[in-house]
């Protein structure tokens, strides 16, 4: 079974950047930087973030050991 994209439930705004960073195995701050630049340049980043926050399922980062 392949990897799935989730939003992380870790106290951030909606967890989209953290989930994308985990999926692509890169630092979430790089995703946040790309999001900020795309938001400033044309506003597409804000729209894409809202859509991703509504569409992607949540993945809890809480461990129940």
Protein backbone atom coordinates (compact mmCIF):
# COMPACT_ATOMS: atom_id res chain seq x y z
CA UNK A 1 0.00 0.00 0.00
CA UNK A 2 1.34 3.44 -0.94
CA UNK A 3 1.87 6.49 1.20
CA UNK A 4 -1.09 8.73 1.95
CA UNK A 5 -1.17 12.47 2.50
CA UNK A 6 -2.59 13.60 5.82
CA UNK A 7 -2.88 16.81 7.80
CA UNK A 8 -0.98 16.56 11.06
CA UNK A 9 -2.81 17.25 14.30
CA UNK A 10 0.15 18.81 16.08
CA UNK A 11 -1.03 22.23 17.18
CA UNK A 12 -0.20 24.13 14.00
CA UNK A 13 -2.76 26.12 12.03
CA UNK A 14 -4.24 23.19 10.09
CA UNK A 15 -1.28 20.82 9.77
CA UNK A 16 -1.19 20.93 5.97
CA UNK A 17 2.48 21.92 5.61
CA UNK A 18 3.58 19.37 8.21
CA UNK A 19 1.65 16.63 6.46
CA UNK A 20 3.05 17.54 3.05
CA UNK A 21 6.56 17.68 4.50
CA UNK A 22 6.11 14.23 5.99
CA UNK A 23 4.73 12.85 2.73
CA UNK A 24 7.57 14.24 0.60
CA UNK A 25 10.14 13.56 3.36
CA UNK A 26 11.34 17.17 3.51
CA UNK A 27 11.39 19.84 6.19
CA UNK A 28 7.89 21.36 6.62
CA UNK A 29 9.51 24.80 6.81
CA UNK A 30 10.40 24.49 3.13
CA UNK A 31 6.71 23.85 2.36
CA UNK A 32 5.76 26.83 4.53
CA UNK A 33 8.24 29.05 2.66
CA UNK A 34 6.82 27.96 -0.71
CA UNK A 35 3.30 28.56 0.62
CA UNK A 36 4.22 32.05 1.88
CA UNK A 37 5.83 33.03 -1.43
CA UNK A 38 2.89 31.76 -3.47
CA UNK A 39 0.48 33.59 -1.17
CA UNK A 40 2.32 36.88 -1.58
CA UNK A 41 2.90 36.59 -5.33
CA UNK A 42 -0.58 35.75 -6.53
CA UNK A 43 -2.77 34.65 -3.65
CA UNK A 44 -2.98 31.09 -4.96
CA UNK A 45 -1.24 29.76 -1.83
CA UNK A 46 -4.06 30.88 0.45
CA UNK A 47 -6.67 29.21 -1.75
CA UNK A 48 -4.61 26.00 -2.05
CA UNK A 49 -4.04 25.87 1.72
CA UNK A 50 -7.76 26.25 2.48
CA UNK A 51 -8.69 23.56 -0.03
CA UNK A 52 -6.04 21.19 1.37
CA UNK A 53 -7.20 21.86 4.94
CA UNK A 54 -10.75 20.95 3.96
CA UNK A 55 -9.94 17.93 1.78
CA UNK A 56 -7.06 16.15 3.52
CA UNK A 57 -7.91 13.83 6.43
CA UNK A 58 -6.34 14.39 9.84
CA UNK A 59 -3.60 12.12 11.15
CA UNK A 60 -3.12 12.38 14.89
CA UNK A 61 0.47 12.58 16.10
CA UNK A 62 -0.55 11.60 19.64
CA UNK A 63 0.94 8.26 20.64
CA UNK A 64 -1.03 5.95 22.89
CA UNK A 65 1.67 3.70 24.35
